[in-house]
Amino acid sequence: MPARLELSRITKRFPGVTANEDVSFSVGAGEIHALLGENGAGKSTLVKIIYGVQKADEGTVLWDGQPVSIASPREARKLGIGMVFQHFSLFEAMTVLENIALGLDNPPPRKALEGEVRALLATYDLTLDPHRYVHTLSVGERQRIEIVRALLTKPKLLIMDEPTSVLTPQEVEKLFQILRKLAAEGCSILYISHKLSEIKALCESATILRFGKVVATCDPRQETARSMAEMMIGGTLKDLSHKNGGGAGADRLVVENLSAPGEPPFGTSLKEIGFTVRAGEIFGIAGVAGNGQNELIAALSGEIPGTGRITLDGAEINGLSVDGRRRRGLAAVPEERNGHAAVPGMNLSDNAVLSARGRKRLAVGGFLRPFAARAYAADVIGAFSVRSTGPRAFASSLSGGNLQKFIMGREIMQDPAVLVVSQPTWGVDAGAAGFIRQAMLDLAAKGAAILVVSQDLDELLDLCDRIAVINEGRLSPVMDVKGVSIETLGLLMGGVHGANLPPPPLSAEIVGAVHGA
C-alpha cells in the first residue's frame, strides 16, 4: 500500500540560500509523523510546499502513490490536506461559526454548517459554543476553531504547526486524545513542535532536518528528548549550569497593587498585581496568552501607565519613562520580536541603539556614536553566537531564533539590575533555547533579579525559583517551584481557582512531557 504522502528529493532555493536540499520522507495512512529541526532548518518551507503555498524547484510530491502538483492551499485542501497554523487566523469581533465559515472554500448554508459543527464537536468531545464571539474565548478554545475548520474538510493529512505552544497541560492532553482518534480513523498527521518530550509522547516516527537536509530518522518512542535535540543540532547539548550560593538576596523589584488598562480593543486589564523579585532570583509567571501578560510587561517597562507602586532597589519608579527606568537598571524584552523588540528594517547596530543608548553610552548629548554602536552590536553577535553577516545586517535577515538571541544579548550585556522578559524562547530551537536560558541563569548569578513571563511550563520549572500564574489580569499566590504540581498550575492557567475537589490527574506522559522527561 503506498504512503499517504511521499516527498522525493525535494529542493527549494531562494537567493543566497538553499532552504531544502534533496529532502525525502514519507507519511503513512494513520501515522503521526514528527518533522523536527532547529530554526532555519527548512521545516516551514517544506510545509509550505506540501500545503501549496510554495512550489519546489526540484523533486516530486506523491499523494497516495500518484505524483501531484499542488499549486495553492485550495488545491491542497481538495486533495485532503488540512493545516492548523501556529498563529491563528481569526476575526475577534466575529462568532465562532462566522470564523469557521470564512475559512471554508464552499461553506454550506448557516443552519447546515452549524449542524455539521455541532456533530463534529460531539464526535471529538469538544466544548465550543458556535455563537460565542472569538474575543471572549481562551486560547485553547480558539485553537479548537482552527481544528474544527480543518476537520470539516475531512482531511486525509493534517499538518499541525507548534499546536501546544499556548495551551495548558490539560488542553495538551485533550489535543493528544483528538489526534490519536483521528489517526485511528486513518488520518495522517504531520506534527511540528520544539517540545521534544511531546514528540516522544505522541509520535511514532520522526524526520529530522538540519540546514535544509534530512540528517536522521527515528522512532521518538525509543529516544529521549535530549537525544533528539542532539540529532537536530549535530552535537552535544549542554546541561544548564544553575547558580550556586546561599539563595536569593535583598528585594530588587517590588510591585504592589499594580492595575493597568488592557490593550485595546480586547486586552485584559491588570487587577492589583503584587509580587517581589529578589537579587539572584528568577521569578516565573505562567499563563495562557491573553490574560494580561503583555499589559504587565508594558506597565513594568513604562510603556503604559498604571496605578499602584513599583520600586527598584527601594526607589519608586512609577513616574519614570521607559528611558528613565532603563537608566535606573530595568531592562525589558517584550513578547513580539519583530516591530516591538526590534525594527526589522533597521540593521543590528541601529537596533542596539534603541535600548542600549543610555547604559552603554551609544548616544551622548543627543548625538549618536555609530562606531560604539557597531562595536556593541558586534560584541552581542559574538557573545551570543548570533548567525548574521555582522552589525550591518538587517534584523529582518535573521531567523527567529537568531534575532531572539540578539535581542536577549542586547539586554543582558547591559548588566541590568532587573530583567523583565516575556516568552524568552518561544519558537526557538533547543540549542538556542539552552543558550538563552543559561545566559539568564548567569545574569541571576551576578545578583540581578529576573522576571520571566512564559507559557512554557517546562521552561519555568527548569529556570525559576518561585512561580505564580496570571489569569484574567489577576495573579495567583506565589508558589515555590520545588513543591508545585503540574495539575495545580494547569488548573490555575485555565481559570480554576480555589477548587475544593482534588484536580483530575494528568496522564503520566503529559506530566513527563512538561517535566522534559
Protein backbone atom coordinates (compact mmCIF):
# COMPACT_ATOMS: atom_id res chain seq x y z
CA MET A 1 0.00 0.00 0.00
CA PRO A 2 1.54 3.39 -0.97
CA ALA A 3 2.27 6.04 1.61
CA ARG A 4 -0.33 8.76 2.07
CA LEU A 5 2.33 11.44 1.40
CA GLU A 6 5.78 10.88 -0.04
CA LEU A 7 8.36 13.55 -0.78
CA SER A 8 11.14 12.54 -3.15
CA ARG A 9 14.30 14.65 -3.47
CA ILE A 10 12.60 17.99 -2.80
CA THR A 11 14.86 21.02 -3.30
CA LYS A 12 13.89 24.67 -2.85
CA ARG A 13 16.29 27.59 -3.35
CA PHE A 14 15.98 31.27 -2.54
CA PRO A 15 18.51 33.99 -3.45
CA GLY A 16 21.65 33.22 -1.46
CA VAL A 17 20.26 30.22 0.42
CA THR A 18 19.06 26.66 -0.18
CA ALA A 19 16.10 26.12 2.14
CA ASN A 20 15.56 22.44 1.29
CA GLU A 21 18.05 20.13 -0.41
CA ASP A 22 17.24 16.64 -1.65
CA VAL A 23 14.62 16.04 1.07
CA SER A 24 12.86 12.66 1.01
CA PHE A 25 10.50 11.09 3.54
CA SER A 26 7.01 9.59 3.69
CA VAL A 27 3.98 9.60 5.98
CA GLY A 28 1.77 6.53 6.05
CA ALA A 29 -2.00 6.39 6.46
CA GLY A 30 -2.94 6.87 10.12
CA GLU A 31 0.65 7.69 11.08
CA ILE A 32 1.60 10.53 13.45
CA HIS A 33 4.90 11.73 12.00
CA ALA A 34 7.10 14.45 13.51
CA LEU A 35 9.10 16.97 11.49
CA LEU A 36 11.97 18.28 13.62
CA GLY A 37 14.78 20.78 13.19
CA GLU A 38 16.33 23.98 14.50
CA ASN A 39 15.11 27.41 13.45
CA GLY A 40 16.15 27.82 9.84
CA ALA A 41 16.39 24.06 9.23
CA GLY A 42 13.81 24.22 6.43
CA LYS A 43 10.66 22.94 8.15
CA SER A 44 8.48 25.93 7.28
CA THR A 45 9.49 25.90 3.62
CA LEU A 46 8.82 22.19 3.35
CA VAL A 47 5.36 22.53 4.91
CA LYS A 48 4.55 25.42 2.56
CA ILE A 49 5.43 23.18 -0.39
CA ILE A 50 3.15 20.42 0.91
CA TYR A 51 0.30 22.90 1.50
CA GLY A 52 0.68 24.61 -1.87
CA VAL A 53 1.97 27.97 -0.64
CA GLN A 54 5.28 27.48 -2.45
CA LYS A 55 6.47 25.26 -5.30
CA ALA A 56 9.60 23.12 -5.15
CA ASP A 57 12.38 23.78 -7.66
CA GLU A 58 13.18 20.08 -7.91
CA GLY A 59 11.72 16.81 -6.73
CA THR A 60 8.36 15.05 -6.64
CA VAL A 61 5.39 15.04 -4.28
CA LEU A 62 3.43 11.77 -4.32
CA TRP A 63 -0.11 11.59 -2.91
CA ASP A 64 -1.46 8.08 -2.40
CA GLY A 65 1.26 6.90 -4.75
CA GLN A 66 0.50 9.36 -7.55
CA PRO A 67 2.65 12.40 -8.45
CA VAL A 68 0.82 15.68 -7.85
CA SER A 69 1.50 19.38 -8.36
CA ILE A 70 -0.03 21.40 -5.51
CA ALA A 71 -0.33 24.95 -6.82
CA SER A 72 -2.32 26.50 -3.95
CA PRO A 73 -3.78 25.82 -0.49
CA ARG A 74 -7.17 25.40 -2.16
CA GLU A 75 -5.76 22.54 -4.26
CA ALA A 76 -4.12 21.06 -1.17
CA ARG A 77 -7.48 21.05 0.61
CA LYS A 78 -9.13 19.42 -2.42
CA LEU A 79 -6.61 16.59 -2.15
CA GLY A 80 -7.36 16.21 1.55
CA ILE A 81 -4.54 18.19 3.17
CA GLY A 82 -5.53 20.36 6.13
CA MET A 83 -3.37 22.61 8.27
CA VAL A 84 -3.64 24.17 11.72
CA PHE A 85 -1.23 27.09 11.89
CA GLN A 86 0.75 28.19 14.94
CA HIS A 87 -0.67 31.72 14.70
CA PHE A 88 -4.46 31.64 14.44
CA SER A 89 -6.22 33.45 11.60
CA LEU A 90 -9.37 34.54 13.40
CA PHE A 91 -11.52 37.68 13.49
CA GLU A 92 -12.04 38.56 17.15
CA ALA A 93 -15.22 40.60 16.60
CA MET A 94 -16.97 37.70 14.84
CA THR A 95 -18.52 34.50 16.20
CA VAL A 96 -17.06 31.01 16.15
CA LEU A 97 -19.45 29.95 13.38
CA GLU A 98 -18.69 33.01 11.26
CA ASN A 99 -14.95 32.38 11.55
CA ILE A 100 -15.40 28.74 10.56
CA ALA A 101 -17.45 29.75 7.51
CA LEU A 102 -14.80 32.25 6.40
CA GLY A 103 -12.16 29.53 6.44
CA LEU A 104 -14.07 27.15 4.15
CA ASP A 105 -13.83 27.24 0.36
CA ASN A 106 -17.53 26.48 -0.16
CA PRO A 107 -19.39 26.83 3.14
CA PRO A 108 -22.91 25.38 3.32
CA PRO A 109 -25.89 27.48 4.49
CA ARG A 110 -25.63 28.75 8.06
CA LYS A 111 -28.01 26.24 9.68
CA ALA A 112 -26.47 23.30 7.84
CA LEU A 113 -22.97 24.45 8.81
CA GLU A 114 -23.98 24.79 12.45
CA GLY A 115 -25.34 21.25 12.37
CA GLU A 116 -22.07 19.93 10.94
CA VAL A 117 -20.05 21.86 13.51
CA ARG A 118 -22.13 20.57 16.44
CA ALA A 119 -21.89 17.00 15.14
CA LEU A 120 -18.11 17.31 14.84
CA LEU A 121 -17.82 18.77 18.33
CA ALA A 122 -19.83 15.84 19.72
CA THR A 123 -17.74 13.28 17.81
CA TYR A 124 -14.47 14.55 19.28
CA ASP A 125 -15.89 15.57 22.67
CA LEU A 126 -15.03 19.24 22.14
CA THR A 127 -16.70 22.05 24.08
CA LEU A 128 -17.28 25.13 21.94
CA ASP A 129 -20.30 27.41 21.53
CA PRO A 130 -20.74 28.29 17.82
CA HIS A 131 -22.40 31.60 18.73
CA ARG A 132 -19.75 32.98 21.07
CA TYR A 133 -17.56 35.83 19.91
CA VAL A 134 -13.91 34.94 19.46
CA HIS A 135 -12.62 37.73 21.72
CA THR A 136 -14.37 36.06 24.68
CA LEU A 137 -12.59 32.71 24.15
CA SER A 138 -9.46 31.27 25.74
CA VAL A 139 -6.52 30.41 23.50
CA GLY A 140 -7.35 26.72 23.79
CA GLU A 141 -10.90 27.39 22.59
CA ARG A 142 -9.58 29.44 19.68
CA GLN A 143 -7.38 26.57 18.63
CA ARG A 144 -10.47 24.35 18.58
CA ILE A 145 -11.95 26.67 15.95
CA GLU A 146 -8.93 26.05 13.73
CA ILE A 147 -9.13 22.30 14.34
CA VAL A 148 -12.88 22.17 13.59
CA ARG A 149 -12.38 24.24 10.45
CA ALA A 150 -9.68 21.82 9.27
CA LEU A 151 -11.71 18.72 10.16
CA LEU A 152 -14.77 19.94 8.26
CA THR A 153 -12.76 19.47 5.07
CA LYS A 154 -12.40 15.76 6.02
CA PRO A 155 -8.59 15.77 5.70
CA LYS A 156 -6.54 12.69 4.94
CA LEU A 157 -3.44 14.52 6.16
CA LEU A 158 -3.48 17.13 8.94
CA ILE A 159 -0.44 19.37 9.45
CA MET A 160 -0.06 20.73 13.00
CA ASP A 161 2.46 23.59 13.43
CA GLU A 162 3.52 24.15 17.08
CA PRO A 163 0.00 23.32 18.28
CA THR A 164 0.68 23.29 22.04
CA SER A 165 2.77 26.44 22.42
CA VAL A 166 -0.11 28.32 24.13
CA LEU A 167 -2.05 25.50 25.82
CA THR A 168 -2.40 24.39 29.43
CA PRO A 169 -1.32 20.82 30.30
CA GLN A 170 -4.99 19.78 30.44
CA GLU A 171 -5.58 21.24 26.95
CA VAL A 172 -2.49 19.43 25.65
CA GLU A 173 -3.89 16.13 26.89
CA LYS A 174 -7.22 16.83 25.21
CA LEU A 175 -5.48 17.69 21.93
CA PHE A 176 -3.48 14.46 22.07
CA GLN A 177 -6.71 12.48 22.52
CA ILE A 178 -8.19 14.13 19.42
CA LEU A 179 -5.07 13.49 17.32
CA ARG A 180 -4.92 9.83 18.35
CA LYS A 181 -8.60 9.42 17.49
CA LEU A 182 -8.02 10.97 14.07
CA ALA A 183 -5.05 8.71 13.45
CA ALA A 184 -7.08 5.65 14.46
CA GLU A 185 -9.65 6.70 11.83
CA GLY A 186 -6.92 6.73 9.18
CA CYS A 187 -5.99 10.42 9.08
CA SER A 188 -2.23 11.00 8.80
CA ILE A 189 -0.71 13.74 10.95
CA LEU A 190 2.46 15.72 10.31
CA TYR A 191 3.38 17.26 13.67
CA ILE A 192 5.86 20.12 14.08
CA SER A 193 7.00 21.14 17.56
CA HIS A 194 10.05 22.27 19.51
CA LYS A 195 8.68 20.43 22.58
CA LEU A 196 10.56 17.21 22.12
CA SER A 197 9.05 15.46 25.10
CA GLU A 198 5.64 15.89 23.46
CA ILE A 199 7.05 14.39 20.27
CA LYS A 200 8.20 11.40 22.31
CA ALA A 201 4.77 11.04 23.94
CA LEU A 202 2.71 11.38 20.74
CA CYS A 203 4.61 10.48 17.58
CA GLU A 204 5.65 7.13 16.19
CA SER A 205 8.21 8.33 13.64
CA ALA A 206 10.27 11.46 13.02
CA THR A 207 12.26 13.09 10.25
CA ILE A 208 15.00 15.45 11.41
CA LEU A 209 16.27 18.34 9.27
CA ARG A 210 19.47 20.33 9.61
CA PHE A 211 20.43 23.14 7.22
CA GLY A 212 17.70 22.02 4.82
CA LYS A 213 18.78 18.37 4.61
CA VAL A 214 17.43 15.19 6.19
CA VAL A 215 20.08 14.14 8.71
CA ALA A 216 18.24 11.44 10.67
CA THR A 217 15.04 9.47 11.09
CA CYS A 218 13.97 7.82 14.30
CA ASP A 219 11.17 6.38 16.41
CA PRO A 220 10.69 9.06 19.11
CA ARG A 221 9.31 6.46 21.49
CA GLN A 222 12.76 4.86 21.54
CA GLU A 223 14.62 8.16 22.02
CA THR A 224 14.94 10.78 24.74
CA ALA A 225 14.22 14.47 24.29
CA ARG A 226 17.94 15.07 24.69
CA SER A 227 18.98 12.55 22.03
CA MET A 228 16.57 14.07 19.51
CA ALA A 229 17.83 17.57 20.31
CA GLU A 230 21.39 16.43 19.72
CA MET A 231 20.38 14.96 16.34
CA MET A 232 18.88 18.35 15.47
CA ILE A 233 21.96 20.40 16.38
CA GLY A 234 24.56 17.85 15.30
CA GLY A 235 26.43 17.98 18.60
CA THR A 236 26.21 17.56 22.34
CA LEU A 237 23.56 19.56 24.17
CA LYS A 238 24.99 21.36 27.18
CA ASP A 239 23.34 20.99 30.57
CA LEU A 240 22.16 24.18 32.26
CA SER A 241 24.55 25.28 34.97
CA HIS A 242 22.45 26.56 37.85
CA LYS A 243 23.85 29.18 40.16
CA ASN A 244 25.45 28.18 43.44
CA GLY A 245 25.22 30.14 46.64
CA GLY A 246 23.03 30.89 49.58
CA GLY A 247 19.81 31.67 47.75
CA ALA A 248 18.15 34.95 46.90
CA GLY A 249 19.30 38.26 48.34
CA ALA A 250 17.62 41.58 49.00
CA ASP A 251 14.42 42.70 47.30
CA ARG A 252 15.19 44.41 43.97
CA LEU A 253 11.83 44.66 42.14
CA VAL A 254 8.76 45.16 44.32
CA VAL A 255 5.31 45.51 42.73
CA GLU A 256 2.33 46.48 44.88
CA ASN A 257 -1.33 46.74 43.82
CA LEU A 258 -0.46 47.33 40.18
CA SER A 259 -3.50 47.93 37.98
CA ALA A 260 -3.45 48.98 34.33
CA PRO A 261 -5.88 49.10 31.38
CA GLY A 262 -5.96 46.32 28.79
CA GLU A 263 -4.63 46.77 25.29
CA PRO A 264 -7.49 47.88 23.00
CA PRO A 265 -9.77 46.51 21.76
CA PHE A 266 -9.81 43.19 23.62
CA GLY A 267 -6.89 43.35 26.03
CA THR A 268 -7.02 42.24 29.66
CA SER A 269 -6.76 44.81 32.45
CA LEU A 270 -4.35 44.20 35.31
CA LYS A 271 -6.06 43.98 38.70
CA GLU A 272 -3.99 44.73 41.83
CA ILE A 273 -0.93 42.70 40.86
CA GLY A 274 1.66 42.25 43.60
CA PHE A 275 4.95 40.33 43.84
CA THR A 276 8.62 40.71 44.76
CA VAL A 277 11.72 39.58 42.87
CA ARG A 278 14.93 39.36 44.85
CA ALA A 279 18.59 39.65 43.89
CA GLY A 280 19.83 36.43 42.33
CA GLU A 281 16.29 35.10 41.85
CA ILE A 282 14.40 34.10 38.72
CA PHE A 283 10.68 34.60 39.32
CA GLY A 284 8.27 32.99 36.84
CA ILE A 285 4.76 33.97 35.80
CA ALA A 286 2.84 31.29 33.90
CA GLY A 287 -0.37 31.77 31.99
CA VAL A 288 -2.28 31.20 28.78
CA ALA A 289 -1.79 34.01 26.24
CA GLY A 290 -4.16 36.94 26.52
CA ASN A 291 -4.52 37.02 30.30
CA GLY A 292 -2.65 40.27 30.90
CA GLN A 293 0.94 39.24 30.22
CA ASN A 294 1.58 41.93 27.59
CA GLU A 295 -0.02 44.57 29.80
CA LEU A 296 2.17 43.51 32.73
CA ILE A 297 5.40 43.80 30.73
CA ALA A 298 4.28 47.16 29.33
CA ALA A 299 3.35 48.52 32.77
CA LEU A 300 6.65 47.42 34.32
CA SER A 301 8.73 48.80 31.46
CA GLY A 302 6.88 52.12 31.47
CA GLU A 303 5.15 51.77 28.11
CA ILE A 304 1.68 52.14 29.62
CA PRO A 305 0.63 53.94 32.81
CA GLY A 306 -0.52 52.00 35.83
CA THR A 307 -1.69 52.66 39.35
CA GLY A 308 -0.05 51.13 42.38
CA ARG A 309 3.61 51.17 43.35
CA ILE A 310 6.73 49.81 41.63
CA THR A 311 10.14 50.10 43.30
CA LEU A 312 13.59 49.16 42.03
CA ASP A 313 16.24 48.77 44.75
CA GLY A 314 13.98 50.73 47.11
CA ALA A 315 13.42 53.71 44.79
CA GLU A 316 9.95 54.27 43.33
CA ILE A 317 9.96 54.26 39.50
CA ASN A 318 6.24 54.72 38.75
CA GLY A 319 6.65 58.20 37.34
CA LEU A 320 9.67 57.39 35.18
CA SER A 321 9.58 56.96 31.41
CA VAL A 322 10.82 53.86 29.60
CA ASP A 323 14.23 55.51 29.18
CA GLY A 324 14.27 56.64 32.80
CA ARG A 325 13.59 53.13 34.05
CA ARG A 326 16.28 51.73 31.77
CA ARG A 327 18.81 54.19 33.16
CA ARG A 328 17.89 53.02 36.67
CA GLY A 329 18.68 49.45 35.63
CA LEU A 330 15.43 47.89 34.39
CA ALA A 331 15.76 46.09 31.04
CA ALA A 332 12.70 44.63 29.30
CA VAL A 333 12.10 42.21 26.43
CA PRO A 334 8.52 42.16 25.07
CA GLU A 335 6.89 39.10 23.55
CA GLU A 336 6.82 40.34 19.95
CA ARG A 337 10.28 40.22 18.38
CA ASN A 338 9.55 41.97 15.09
CA GLY A 339 8.28 45.52 15.39
CA HIS A 340 8.43 45.75 19.19
CA ALA A 341 11.70 44.33 20.49
CA ALA A 342 13.43 45.06 17.18
CA VAL A 343 12.75 47.03 14.00
CA PRO A 344 13.01 44.64 11.01
CA GLY A 345 14.03 47.38 8.54
CA MET A 346 16.94 48.59 10.70
CA ASN A 347 20.33 46.94 11.00
CA LEU A 348 21.57 45.30 14.19
CA SER A 349 23.77 48.25 15.06
CA ASP A 350 20.81 50.65 14.99
CA ASN A 351 18.66 48.13 16.87
CA ALA A 352 21.32 48.09 19.60
CA VAL A 353 20.97 51.85 19.96
CA LEU A 354 17.22 51.56 20.56
CA SER A 355 17.57 50.18 24.08
CA ALA A 356 21.27 50.40 24.99
CA ARG A 357 22.00 54.03 24.12
CA GLY A 358 21.92 55.14 27.75
CA ARG A 359 23.61 52.38 29.72
CA LYS A 360 26.21 51.63 27.01
CA ARG A 361 26.69 55.31 26.04
CA LEU A 362 25.81 54.74 22.40
CA ALA A 363 24.40 58.27 22.31
CA VAL A 364 25.85 61.19 24.27
CA GLY A 365 24.47 64.70 24.45
CA GLY A 366 21.86 63.92 21.81
CA PHE A 367 24.47 62.70 19.30
CA LEU A 368 24.74 59.09 18.18
CA ARG A 369 28.06 57.27 18.43
CA PRO A 370 27.90 54.93 15.39
CA PHE A 371 31.30 53.32 15.98
CA ALA A 372 30.38 52.48 19.56
CA ALA A 373 27.02 51.13 18.42
CA ARG A 374 28.63 48.87 15.81
CA ALA A 375 31.17 47.66 18.37
CA TYR A 376 28.45 46.85 20.90
CA ALA A 377 26.34 45.05 18.29
CA ALA A 378 29.42 43.06 17.26
CA ASP A 379 30.06 42.14 20.90
CA VAL A 380 26.48 40.87 21.26
CA ILE A 381 26.73 38.91 18.00
CA GLY A 382 29.94 37.24 19.18
CA ALA A 383 28.95 36.57 22.77
CA PHE A 384 25.52 35.13 21.86
CA SER A 385 26.59 33.22 18.72
CA VAL A 386 24.16 35.14 16.50
CA ARG A 387 24.31 33.87 12.94
CA SER A 388 24.42 37.01 10.81
CA THR A 389 26.65 38.88 8.40
CA GLY A 390 27.56 41.37 11.12
CA PRO A 391 26.32 44.59 12.76
CA ARG A 392 25.12 45.98 9.43
CA ALA A 393 22.80 43.00 8.82
CA PHE A 394 19.13 43.95 8.88
CA ALA A 395 17.08 42.44 11.67
CA SER A 396 14.69 41.07 9.04
CA SER A 397 17.51 38.93 7.59
CA LEU A 398 17.90 36.87 10.79
CA SER A 399 15.98 33.73 11.61
CA GLY A 400 13.59 33.97 14.55
CA GLY A 401 15.96 32.15 16.87
CA ASN A 402 18.96 34.29 15.95
CA LEU A 403 17.01 37.53 16.29
CA GLN A 404 15.84 36.40 19.72
CA LYS A 405 19.45 35.66 20.74
CA PHE A 406 20.48 39.13 19.60
CA ILE A 407 17.64 40.83 21.48
CA MET A 408 18.31 38.88 24.67
CA GLY A 409 22.05 39.53 24.35
CA ARG A 410 21.46 43.24 23.77
CA GLU A 411 19.60 43.45 27.11
CA ILE A 412 21.67 41.03 29.20
CA MET A 413 25.03 42.58 28.21
CA GLN A 414 23.85 45.90 29.69
CA ASP A 415 24.13 44.18 33.11
CA PRO A 416 20.67 45.29 34.27
CA ALA A 417 19.67 45.25 37.93
CA VAL A 418 16.30 43.84 36.86
CA LEU A 419 15.46 41.96 33.65
CA VAL A 420 11.80 41.60 32.71
CA VAL A 421 11.32 39.23 29.78
CA SER A 422 8.28 37.73 28.04
CA GLN A 423 8.47 34.40 26.20
CA PRO A 424 12.31 34.30 26.09
CA THR A 425 12.47 31.14 23.96
CA TRP A 426 9.08 30.99 22.20
CA GLY A 427 9.51 29.27 18.83
CA VAL A 428 13.26 28.91 19.40
CA ASP A 429 15.06 25.62 18.77
CA ALA A 430 16.65 23.53 21.51
CA GLY A 431 20.20 24.80 21.02
CA ALA A 432 19.28 28.49 21.04
CA ALA A 433 16.81 27.99 23.90
CA GLY A 434 19.51 26.38 26.05
CA PHE A 435 21.89 29.24 25.28
CA ILE A 436 19.33 31.91 26.23
CA ARG A 437 18.32 30.13 29.43
CA GLN A 438 21.95 29.76 30.51
CA ALA A 439 22.54 33.46 29.88
CA MET A 440 19.62 34.30 32.21
CA LEU A 441 20.95 31.95 34.88
CA ASP A 442 24.39 33.57 34.60
CA LEU A 443 22.86 37.05 34.94
CA ALA A 444 20.96 35.97 38.06
CA ALA A 445 24.18 34.54 39.48
CA LYS A 446 25.63 38.07 39.27
CA GLY A 447 22.83 39.34 41.51
CA ALA A 448 20.25 40.54 39.00
CA ALA A 449 16.54 39.98 39.65
CA ILE A 450 14.82 38.33 36.69
CA LEU A 451 11.11 38.13 35.93
CA VAL A 452 10.20 35.56 33.25
CA VAL A 453 6.68 35.55 31.79
CA SER A 454 6.14 32.39 29.76
CA GLN A 455 3.51 29.98 28.50
CA ASP A 456 6.10 27.17 28.61
CA LEU A 457 5.81 25.35 31.93
CA ASP A 458 8.84 23.23 31.10
CA GLU A 459 10.91 26.40 30.84
CA LEU A 460 9.58 27.95 34.03
CA LEU A 461 10.03 24.82 36.12
CA ASP A 462 13.58 24.44 34.84
CA LEU A 463 14.64 28.06 35.39
CA CYS A 464 12.69 29.59 38.23
CA ASP A 465 12.93 29.67 42.00
CA ARG A 466 9.33 30.77 42.57
CA ILE A 467 6.29 30.90 40.33
CA ALA A 468 2.79 32.40 40.09
CA VAL A 469 0.02 32.19 37.48
CA ILE A 470 -1.73 35.11 35.80
CA ASN A 471 -5.35 34.65 34.75
CA GLU A 472 -7.78 37.36 33.65
CA GLY A 473 -5.39 40.03 34.88
CA ARG A 474 -5.05 38.65 38.42
CA LEU A 475 -2.04 36.92 39.95
CA SER A 476 -2.30 33.71 41.95
CA PRO A 477 -0.49 33.19 45.24
CA VAL A 478 3.26 32.75 44.78
CA MET A 479 4.48 29.14 44.95
CA ASP A 480 7.89 27.53 45.39
CA VAL A 481 8.81 25.69 42.20
CA LYS A 482 10.08 22.67 44.15
CA GLY A 483 6.67 21.96 45.65
CA VAL A 484 4.30 22.94 42.87
CA SER A 485 2.30 20.37 40.90
CA ILE A 486 1.66 20.42 37.17
CA GLU A 487 -2.05 19.82 37.79
CA THR A 488 -2.32 22.87 40.04
CA LEU A 489 -0.51 25.12 37.54
CA GLY A 490 -2.66 23.85 34.69
CA LEU A 491 -5.90 24.49 36.57
CA LEU A 492 -4.78 27.98 37.59
CA MET A 493 -3.83 28.74 33.98
CA GLY A 494 -7.28 27.58 32.91
CA GLY A 495 -9.02 29.87 35.39
CA VAL A 496 -9.92 27.35 38.12
CA HIS A 497 -9.31 29.00 41.49
CA GLY A 498 -9.94 27.66 44.97
CA ALA A 499 -11.48 24.37 43.87
CA ASN A 500 -12.40 22.14 46.80
CA LEU A 501 -12.20 18.91 44.85
CA PRO A 502 -8.77 17.45 44.03
CA PRO A 503 -7.78 18.05 40.40
CA PRO A 504 -8.12 15.16 37.97
CA PRO A 505 -4.70 13.57 37.44
CA LEU A 506 -2.94 14.17 34.15
CA SER A 507 -1.65 11.16 32.28
CA ALA A 508 1.92 10.15 33.07
CA GLU A 509 3.10 11.05 29.57
CA ILE A 510 1.79 14.62 29.78
CA VAL A 511 3.41 15.12 33.19
CA GLY A 512 6.60 13.65 31.73
CA ALA A 513 6.38 15.92 28.71
CA VAL A 514 6.05 19.04 30.87
CA HIS A 515 8.95 17.96 33.07
CA GLY A 516 11.08 17.24 29.98
CA ALA A 517 11.44 13.52 30.70
